[in-house]
Amino acid sequence: MKTFVSSISGKTFPITSKVLGSTLRTSIFDLVKEDFPEFSKESLIASSELDGYKEKYISTILKNELGELTRLDQLVIESMNNNQMISASIDQEEVADSFGERIADRVAGFGGSWTFILSFLGFLVCWIVLNMYWLSNKGFDPYPFILLNLLLSCIAALQAPVIMMSQNRQEDKDRKRAQNDYMVNLKAELEIRTLHEKIDHLLIHKEQELIEMQQFQLDIIKDLINKIDKLERSNNGK
């Protein structure tokens, strides 16, 4: 297997990971130059070493714009260096909801629906009619319906914490979803900026190639002109 020696570390790497200094973007090249002043356009660097400088460059950008880096910023930088996807969906979490959490969600969903309101209203009407009129106010819960008040109090006491439990879980999901949105947007912004720099670097590199090609063509034309002049002079001399 063919190998090469890195100009900055002196270590041997596979030839497939070789990167020439002239192909680096100016911003990355300057970072390498700060640590290794002898690094030049003809120097060689391994792609694994280059990844470290890319991470350093992205960290510098974020620190200049955001100040101190947060845990989410570090996760974005790591995902870019490792070419990993940031999932924007909270619904695909590995941790499944517990039985109690699923019950809390269903109770909260049913308690906030028109089905619950209408069915409970029908239950109250039936209770009052049964005790006041059907049983002539001598039933199991005559007016002022003490048993009904106790039942309503128990339902309210149990339903309130269950609904709060479900709301807390929803807030936690919303918070994680907002964090994921932030990381996705930040990564997209950094990748777009990196892409712009790559395009600028490519354009500059192509312009240099065109200038060199034009200069080469001019040299050929000059040589042809000189040869033609020599031929004309020799012909005139004859």
C-alpha atoms as a PDB file:
ATOM      1  CA  MET A   1       0.000   0.000   0.000  1.00  0.00           C
ATOM      2  CA  LYS A   2       1.358   3.389  -0.997  1.00  0.00           C
ATOM      3  CA  THR A   3       1.923   5.884   1.792  1.00  0.00           C
ATOM      4  CA  PHE A   4       3.114   9.447   2.311  1.00  0.00           C
ATOM      5  CA  VAL A   5       4.597  11.430   5.195  1.00  0.00           C
ATOM      6  CA  SER A   6       2.612  14.312   6.683  1.00  0.00           C
ATOM      7  CA  SER A   7       4.443  17.636   6.639  1.00  0.00           C
ATOM      8  CA  ILE A   8       3.050  18.711  10.021  1.00  0.00           C
ATOM      9  CA  SER A   9       3.302  15.556  12.141  1.00  0.00           C
ATOM     10  CA  GLY A  10       5.904  13.495  10.314  1.00  0.00           C
ATOM     11  CA  LYS A  11       3.632  10.446  10.522  1.00  0.00           C
ATOM     12  CA  THR A  12       2.963   8.019   7.695  1.00  0.00           C
ATOM     13  CA  PHE A  13      -0.546   7.834   6.221  1.00  0.00           C
ATOM     14  CA  PRO A  14      -2.181   6.000   3.291  1.00  0.00           C
ATOM     15  CA  ILE A  15      -1.806   7.803  -0.007  1.00  0.00           C
ATOM     16  CA  THR A  16      -5.605   7.971  -0.304  1.00  0.00           C
ATOM     17  CA  SER A  17      -5.752  10.440   2.602  1.00  0.00           C
ATOM     18  CA  LYS A  18      -3.169  12.818   1.120  1.00  0.00           C
ATOM     19  CA  VAL A  19      -4.203  16.469   0.814  1.00  0.00           C
ATOM     20  CA  LEU A  20      -1.997  19.059  -0.858  1.00  0.00           C
ATOM     21  CA  GLY A  21      -1.610  22.409   0.863  1.00  0.00           C
ATOM     22  CA  SER A  22      -2.537  24.306  -2.296  1.00  0.00           C
ATOM     23  CA  THR A  23      -5.992  22.676  -2.300  1.00  0.00           C
ATOM     24  CA  LEU A  24      -6.880  23.958   1.178  1.00  0.00           C
ATOM     25  CA  ARG A  25      -9.210  26.909   1.618  1.00  0.00           C
ATOM     26  CA  THR A  26      -7.470  30.060   2.731  1.00  0.00           C
ATOM     27  CA  SER A  27      -9.123  30.063   6.168  1.00  0.00           C
ATOM     28  CA  ILE A  28      -8.060  26.466   6.889  1.00  0.00           C
ATOM     29  CA  PHE A  29      -4.599  27.039   5.421  1.00  0.00           C
ATOM     30  CA  ASP A  30      -4.074  30.030   7.730  1.00  0.00           C
ATOM     31  CA  LEU A  31      -5.016  27.933  10.783  1.00  0.00           C
ATOM     32  CA  VAL A  32      -2.479  25.264   9.843  1.00  0.00           C
ATOM     33  CA  LYS A  33       0.075  27.989   9.168  1.00  0.00           C
ATOM     34  CA  GLU A  34      -0.406  29.383  12.691  1.00  0.00           C
ATOM     35  CA  ASP A  35       0.607  26.062  14.265  1.00  0.00           C
ATOM     36  CA  PHE A  36       3.226  25.151  11.652  1.00  0.00           C
ATOM     37  CA  PRO A  37       4.818  28.258  10.081  1.00  0.00           C
ATOM     38  CA  GLU A  38       6.848  26.092   7.685  1.00  0.00           C
ATOM     39  CA  PHE A  39       3.656  24.730   6.114  1.00  0.00           C
ATOM     40  CA  SER A  40       3.382  25.809   2.453  1.00  0.00           C
ATOM     41  CA  LYS A  41       1.293  25.217  -0.652  1.00  0.00           C
ATOM     42  CA  GLU A  42       3.499  22.262  -1.575  1.00  0.00           C
ATOM     43  CA  SER A  43       3.228  20.646   1.877  1.00  0.00           C
ATOM     44  CA  LEU A  44       1.160  17.535   2.533  1.00  0.00           C
ATOM     45  CA  ILE A  45      -1.421  16.903   5.256  1.00  0.00           C
ATOM     46  CA  ALA A  46      -3.592  13.884   6.054  1.00  0.00           C
ATOM     47  CA  SER A  47      -7.381  14.119   5.845  1.00  0.00           C
ATOM     48  CA  SER A  48      -7.688  12.996   9.487  1.00  0.00           C
ATOM     49  CA  GLU A  49      -5.400  15.857  10.553  1.00  0.00           C
ATOM     50  CA  LEU A  50      -7.354  18.235   8.350  1.00  0.00           C
ATOM     51  CA  ASP A  51     -10.605  17.296  10.137  1.00  0.00           C
ATOM     52  CA  GLY A  52      -9.173  18.660  13.385  1.00  0.00           C
ATOM     53  CA  TYR A  53      -8.494  22.026  11.772  1.00  0.00           C
ATOM     54  CA  LYS A  54     -11.971  22.078  10.254  1.00  0.00           C
ATOM     55  CA  GLU A  55     -13.434  21.586  13.732  1.00  0.00           C
ATOM     56  CA  LYS A  56     -11.188  24.348  15.061  1.00  0.00           C
ATOM     57  CA  TYR A  57     -12.298  26.673  12.259  1.00  0.00           C
ATOM     58  CA  ILE A  58     -16.010  26.048  12.876  1.00  0.00           C
ATOM     59  CA  SER A  59     -15.517  26.523  16.630  1.00  0.00           C
ATOM     60  CA  THR A  60     -13.807  29.846  15.959  1.00  0.00           C
ATOM     61  CA  ILE A  61     -16.722  31.028  13.805  1.00  0.00           C
ATOM     62  CA  LEU A  62     -19.293  30.094  16.447  1.00  0.00           C
ATOM     63  CA  LYS A  63     -17.299  31.690  19.258  1.00  0.00           C
ATOM     64  CA  ASN A  64     -17.003  34.929  17.305  1.00  0.00           C
ATOM     65  CA  GLU A  65     -20.753  35.042  16.625  1.00  0.00           C
ATOM     66  CA  LEU A  66     -22.279  33.396  19.705  1.00  0.00           C
ATOM     67  CA  GLY A  67     -19.637  33.813  22.370  1.00  0.00           C
ATOM     68  CA  GLU A  68     -19.151  30.710  24.527  1.00  0.00           C
ATOM     69  CA  LEU A  69     -20.087  27.426  22.860  1.00  0.00           C
ATOM     70  CA  THR A  70     -22.977  25.451  24.351  1.00  0.00           C
ATOM     71  CA  ARG A  71     -23.437  21.688  24.471  1.00  0.00           C
ATOM     72  CA  LEU A  72     -25.710  21.881  21.429  1.00  0.00           C
ATOM     73  CA  ASP A  73     -23.066  23.800  19.462  1.00  0.00           C
ATOM     74  CA  GLN A  74     -20.498  21.117  20.297  1.00  0.00           C
ATOM     75  CA  LEU A  75     -22.898  18.401  19.105  1.00  0.00           C
ATOM     76  CA  VAL A  76     -23.369  20.235  15.806  1.00  0.00           C
ATOM     77  CA  ILE A  77     -19.605  20.533  15.291  1.00  0.00           C
ATOM     78  CA  GLU A  78     -19.101  16.831  16.040  1.00  0.00           C
ATOM     79  CA  SER A  79     -21.887  15.832  13.657  1.00  0.00           C
ATOM     80  CA  MET A  80     -20.322  17.902  10.861  1.00  0.00           C
ATOM     81  CA  ASN A  81     -16.876  16.373  11.387  1.00  0.00           C
ATOM     82  CA  ASN A  82     -18.306  12.838  11.532  1.00  0.00           C
ATOM     83  CA  ASN A  83     -20.727  13.445   8.627  1.00  0.00           C
ATOM     84  CA  GLN A  84     -23.656  12.415  10.819  1.00  0.00           C
ATOM     85  CA  MET A  85     -27.277  13.374  10.352  1.00  0.00           C
ATOM     86  CA  ILE A  86     -29.104  15.390  13.015  1.00  0.00           C
ATOM     87  CA  SER A  87     -32.601  13.984  13.379  1.00  0.00           C
ATOM     88  CA  ALA A  88     -35.290  16.673  13.454  1.00  0.00           C
ATOM     89  CA  SER A  89     -37.950  14.319  14.775  1.00  0.00           C
ATOM     90  CA  ILE A  90     -38.675  13.767  18.455  1.00  0.00           C
ATOM     91  CA  ASP A  91     -41.194  11.029  17.713  1.00  0.00           C
ATOM     92  CA  GLN A  92     -38.400   8.567  16.875  1.00  0.00           C
ATOM     93  CA  GLU A  93     -36.825   8.534  20.327  1.00  0.00           C
ATOM     94  CA  GLU A  94     -35.370   5.240  21.481  1.00  0.00           C
ATOM     95  CA  VAL A  95     -36.906   5.493  24.967  1.00  0.00           C
ATOM     96  CA  ALA A  96     -40.521   4.347  24.856  1.00  0.00           C
ATOM     97  CA  ASP A  97     -43.239   5.918  26.983  1.00  0.00           C
ATOM     98  CA  SER A  98     -44.123   4.058  30.168  1.00  0.00           C
ATOM     99  CA  PHE A  99     -47.588   2.663  30.848  1.00  0.00           C
ATOM    100  CA  GLY A 100     -48.394   5.492  33.274  1.00  0.00           C
ATOM    101  CA  GLU A 101     -47.311   8.128  30.763  1.00  0.00           C
ATOM    102  CA  ARG A 102     -49.505   6.629  28.057  1.00  0.00           C
ATOM    103  CA  ILE A 103     -52.466   6.562  30.463  1.00  0.00           C
ATOM    104  CA  ALA A 104     -51.816  10.204  31.408  1.00  0.00           C
ATOM    105  CA  ASP A 105     -51.823  11.236  27.747  1.00  0.00           C
ATOM    106  CA  ARG A 106     -55.083   9.413  27.060  1.00  0.00           C
ATOM    107  CA  VAL A 107     -56.788  10.830  30.166  1.00  0.00           C
ATOM    108  CA  ALA A 108     -55.630  14.349  29.263  1.00  0.00           C
ATOM    109  CA  GLY A 109     -56.773  13.877  25.673  1.00  0.00           C
ATOM    110  CA  PHE A 110     -60.189  12.579  26.701  1.00  0.00           C
ATOM    111  CA  GLY A 111     -60.629  15.180  29.464  1.00  0.00           C
ATOM    112  CA  GLY A 112     -60.090  18.005  26.991  1.00  0.00           C
ATOM    113  CA  SER A 113     -62.601  16.795  24.409  1.00  0.00           C
ATOM    114  CA  TRP A 114     -66.252  17.546  23.700  1.00  0.00           C
ATOM    115  CA  THR A 115     -66.990  13.855  24.195  1.00  0.00           C
ATOM    116  CA  PHE A 116     -66.021  14.112  27.858  1.00  0.00           C
ATOM    117  CA  ILE A 117     -67.913  17.383  28.367  1.00  0.00           C
ATOM    118  CA  LEU A 118     -71.173  16.142  26.820  1.00  0.00           C
ATOM    119  CA  SER A 119     -71.028  12.693  28.415  1.00  0.00           C
ATOM    120  CA  PHE A 120     -70.269  14.122  31.862  1.00  0.00           C
ATOM    121  CA  LEU A 121     -73.034  16.706  31.464  1.00  0.00           C
ATOM    122  CA  GLY A 122     -75.446  13.890  30.601  1.00  0.00           C
ATOM    123  CA  PHE A 123     -74.276  11.957  33.673  1.00  0.00           C
ATOM    124  CA  LEU A 124     -74.983  14.959  35.942  1.00  0.00           C
ATOM    125  CA  VAL A 125     -78.459  15.471  34.471  1.00  0.00           C
ATOM    126  CA  CYS A 126     -79.310  11.785  34.911  1.00  0.00           C
ATOM    127  CA  TRP A 127     -78.026  11.822  38.499  1.00  0.00           C
ATOM    128  CA  ILE A 128     -80.096  14.879  39.446  1.00  0.00           C
ATOM    129  CA  VAL A 129     -83.256  13.721  37.675  1.00  0.00           C
ATOM    130  CA  LEU A 130     -82.975  10.237  39.183  1.00  0.00           C
ATOM    131  CA  ASN A 131     -82.639  11.488  42.754  1.00  0.00           C
ATOM    132  CA  MET A 132     -84.998  14.475  42.683  1.00  0.00           C
ATOM    133  CA  TYR A 133     -87.843  13.354  40.460  1.00  0.00           C
ATOM    134  CA  TRP A 134     -87.688   9.615  39.858  1.00  0.00           C
ATOM    135  CA  LEU A 135     -87.022   8.769  43.524  1.00  0.00           C
ATOM    136  CA  SER A 136     -88.895  11.832  44.877  1.00  0.00           C
ATOM    137  CA  ASN A 137     -85.755  13.235  46.502  1.00  0.00           C
ATOM    138  CA  LYS A 138     -85.491  10.120  48.696  1.00  0.00           C
ATOM    139  CA  GLY A 139     -82.861   8.248  46.675  1.00  0.00           C
ATOM    140  CA  PHE A 140     -79.281   7.358  47.533  1.00  0.00           C
ATOM    141  CA  ASP A 141     -78.180  10.995  47.112  1.00  0.00           C
ATOM    142  CA  PRO A 142     -81.011  13.459  47.823  1.00  0.00           C
ATOM    143  CA  TYR A 143     -80.661  17.211  47.464  1.00  0.00           C
ATOM    144  CA  PRO A 144     -78.130  18.920  47.991  1.00  0.00           C
ATOM    145  CA  PHE A 145     -76.315  15.955  46.388  1.00  0.00           C
ATOM    146  CA  ILE A 146     -73.480  15.528  48.877  1.00  0.00           C
ATOM    147  CA  LEU A 147     -72.345  12.263  47.294  1.00  0.00           C
ATOM    148  CA  LEU A 148     -72.250  13.904  43.863  1.00  0.00           C
ATOM    149  CA  ASN A 149     -70.154  16.784  45.222  1.00  0.00           C
ATOM    150  CA  LEU A 150     -67.746  14.284  46.767  1.00  0.00           C
ATOM    151  CA  LEU A 151     -67.519  12.386  43.485  1.00  0.00           C
ATOM    152  CA  LEU A 152     -66.844  15.575  41.515  1.00  0.00           C
ATOM    153  CA  SER A 153     -64.165  16.630  44.000  1.00  0.00           C
ATOM    154  CA  CYS A 154     -62.418  13.255  43.711  1.00  0.00           C
ATOM    155  CA  ILE A 155     -62.507  13.387  39.911  1.00  0.00           C
ATOM    156  CA  ALA A 156     -61.087  16.930  39.886  1.00  0.00           C
ATOM    157  CA  ALA A 157     -58.390  16.008  42.423  1.00  0.00           C
ATOM    158  CA  LEU A 158     -57.245  13.052  40.312  1.00  0.00           C
ATOM    159  CA  GLN A 159     -57.681  14.593  36.874  1.00  0.00           C
ATOM    160  CA  ALA A 160     -55.698  17.774  37.578  1.00  0.00           C
ATOM    161  CA  PRO A 161     -52.327  16.117  38.369  1.00  0.00           C
ATOM    162  CA  VAL A 162     -52.772  13.640  35.506  1.00  0.00           C
ATOM    163  CA  ILE A 163     -53.327  16.502  33.052  1.00  0.00           C
ATOM    164  CA  MET A 164     -50.342  18.398  34.516  1.00  0.00           C
ATOM    165  CA  MET A 165     -48.219  15.267  34.096  1.00  0.00           C
ATOM    166  CA  SER A 166     -49.166  15.070  30.430  1.00  0.00           C
ATOM    167  CA  GLN A 167     -48.523  18.796  29.940  1.00  0.00           C
ATOM    168  CA  ASN A 168     -45.066  18.493  31.514  1.00  0.00           C
ATOM    169  CA  ARG A 169     -44.209  15.655  29.154  1.00  0.00           C
ATOM    170  CA  GLN A 170     -45.449  17.698  26.200  1.00  0.00           C
ATOM    171  CA  GLU A 171     -43.338  20.663  27.320  1.00  0.00           C
ATOM    172  CA  ASP A 172     -40.310  18.382  27.520  1.00  0.00           C
ATOM    173  CA  LYS A 173     -41.003  17.132  23.985  1.00  0.00           C
ATOM    174  CA  ASP A 174     -41.408  20.705  22.737  1.00  0.00           C
ATOM    175  CA  ARG A 175     -38.120  21.690  24.373  1.00  0.00           C
ATOM    176  CA  LYS A 176     -36.268  18.778  22.752  1.00  0.00           C
ATOM    177  CA  ARG A 177     -37.923  19.554  19.427  1.00  0.00           C
ATOM    178  CA  ALA A 178     -36.780  23.184  19.718  1.00  0.00           C
ATOM    179  CA  GLN A 179     -33.230  22.026  20.507  1.00  0.00           C
ATOM    180  CA  ASN A 180     -33.239  19.760  17.469  1.00  0.00           C
ATOM    181  CA  ASP A 181     -34.544  22.593  15.279  1.00  0.00           C
ATOM    182  CA  TYR A 182     -31.765  24.844  16.580  1.00  0.00           C
ATOM    183  CA  MET A 183     -29.085  22.238  15.828  1.00  0.00           C
ATOM    184  CA  VAL A 184     -30.472  21.504  12.361  1.00  0.00           C
ATOM    185  CA  ASN A 185     -30.632  25.216  11.476  1.00  0.00           C
ATOM    186  CA  LEU A 186     -27.162  25.878  12.870  1.00  0.00           C
ATOM    187  CA  LYS A 187     -25.653  22.952  10.972  1.00  0.00           C
ATOM    188  CA  ALA A 188     -27.369  24.060   7.756  1.00  0.00           C
ATOM    189  CA  GLU A 189     -26.030  27.601   8.186  1.00  0.00           C
ATOM    190  CA  LEU A 190     -22.486  26.360   8.810  1.00  0.00           C
ATOM    191  CA  GLU A 191     -22.605  23.964   5.870  1.00  0.00           C
ATOM    192  CA  ILE A 192     -23.887  26.723   3.571  1.00  0.00           C
ATOM    193  CA  ARG A 193     -21.092  29.017   4.716  1.00  0.00           C
ATOM    194  CA  THR A 194     -18.533  26.247   4.207  1.00  0.00           C
ATOM    195  CA  LEU A 195     -19.980  25.564   0.761  1.00  0.00           C
ATOM    196  CA  HIS A 196     -19.655  29.237  -0.166  1.00  0.00           C
ATOM    197  CA  GLU A 197     -16.014  29.214   0.881  1.00  0.00           C
ATOM    198  CA  LYS A 198     -15.390  26.050  -1.139  1.00  0.00           C
ATOM    199  CA  ILE A 199     -16.973  27.650  -4.201  1.00  0.00           C
ATOM    200  CA  ASP A 200     -14.925  30.826  -3.732  1.00  0.00           C
ATOM    201  CA  HIS A 201     -11.771  28.762  -3.344  1.00  0.00           C
ATOM    202  CA  LEU A 202     -12.647  26.742  -6.446  1.00  0.00           C
ATOM    203  CA  LEU A 203     -13.282  29.887  -8.487  1.00  0.00           C
ATOM    204  CA  ILE A 204      -9.978  31.412  -7.404  1.00  0.00           C
ATOM    205  CA  HIS A 205      -8.170  28.166  -8.199  1.00  0.00           C
ATOM    206  CA  LYS A 206      -9.816  27.968 -11.636  1.00  0.00           C
ATOM    207  CA  GLU A 207      -8.975  31.600 -12.349  1.00  0.00           C
ATOM    208  CA  GLN A 208      -5.345  30.896 -11.554  1.00  0.00           C
ATOM    209  CA  GLU A 209      -5.398  27.906 -13.888  1.00  0.00           C
ATOM    210  CA  LEU A 210      -6.943  30.015 -16.653  1.00  0.00           C
ATOM    211  CA  ILE A 211      -4.331  32.728 -16.175  1.00  0.00           C
ATOM    212  CA  GLU A 212      -1.540  30.155 -16.336  1.00  0.00           C
ATOM    213  CA  MET A 213      -3.100  28.610 -19.446  1.00  0.00           C
ATOM    214  CA  GLN A 214      -3.416  32.013 -21.108  1.00  0.00           C
ATOM    215  CA  GLN A 215       0.186  32.782 -20.225  1.00  0.00           C
ATOM    216  CA  PHE A 216       1.237  29.446 -21.708  1.00  0.00           C
ATOM    217  CA  GLN A 217      -0.718  30.224 -24.888  1.00  0.00           C
ATOM    218  CA  LEU A 218       0.890  33.662 -25.086  1.00  0.00           C
ATOM    219  CA  ASP A 219       4.317  32.082 -24.778  1.00  0.00           C
ATOM    220  CA  ILE A 220       3.484  29.700 -27.630  1.00  0.00           C
ATOM    221  CA  ILE A 221       2.229  32.591 -29.760  1.00  0.00           C
ATOM    222  CA  LYS A 222       5.406  34.569 -29.043  1.00  0.00           C
ATOM    223  CA  ASP A 223       7.518  31.580 -30.041  1.00  0.00           C
ATOM    224  CA  LEU A 224       5.543  31.224 -33.267  1.00  0.00           C
ATOM    225  CA  ILE A 225       5.915  34.940 -34.013  1.00  0.00           C
ATOM    226  CA  ASN A 226       9.668  34.734 -33.408  1.00  0.00           C
ATOM    227  CA  LYS A 227       9.934  31.716 -35.687  1.00  0.00           C
ATOM    228  CA  ILE A 228       7.910  33.487 -38.390  1.00  0.00           C
ATOM    229  CA  ASP A 229      10.125  36.574 -38.077  1.00  0.00           C
ATOM    230  CA  LYS A 230      13.233  34.424 -38.432  1.00  0.00           C
ATOM    231  CA  LEU A 231      11.794  32.713 -41.497  1.00  0.00           C
ATOM    232  CA  GLU A 232      10.879  36.064 -43.061  1.00  0.00           C
ATOM    233  CA  ARG A 233      14.352  37.446 -42.366  1.00  0.00           C
ATOM    234  CA  SER A 234      16.008  34.393 -43.818  1.00  0.00           C
ATOM    235  CA  ASN A 235      13.794  34.617 -46.899  1.00  0.00           C
ATOM    236  CA  ASN A 236      14.502  38.330 -47.281  1.00  0.00           C
ATOM    237  CA  GLY A 237      18.211  37.647 -46.921  1.00  0.00           C
ATOM    238  CA  LYS A 238      18.069  35.251 -49.786  1.00  0.00           C
END
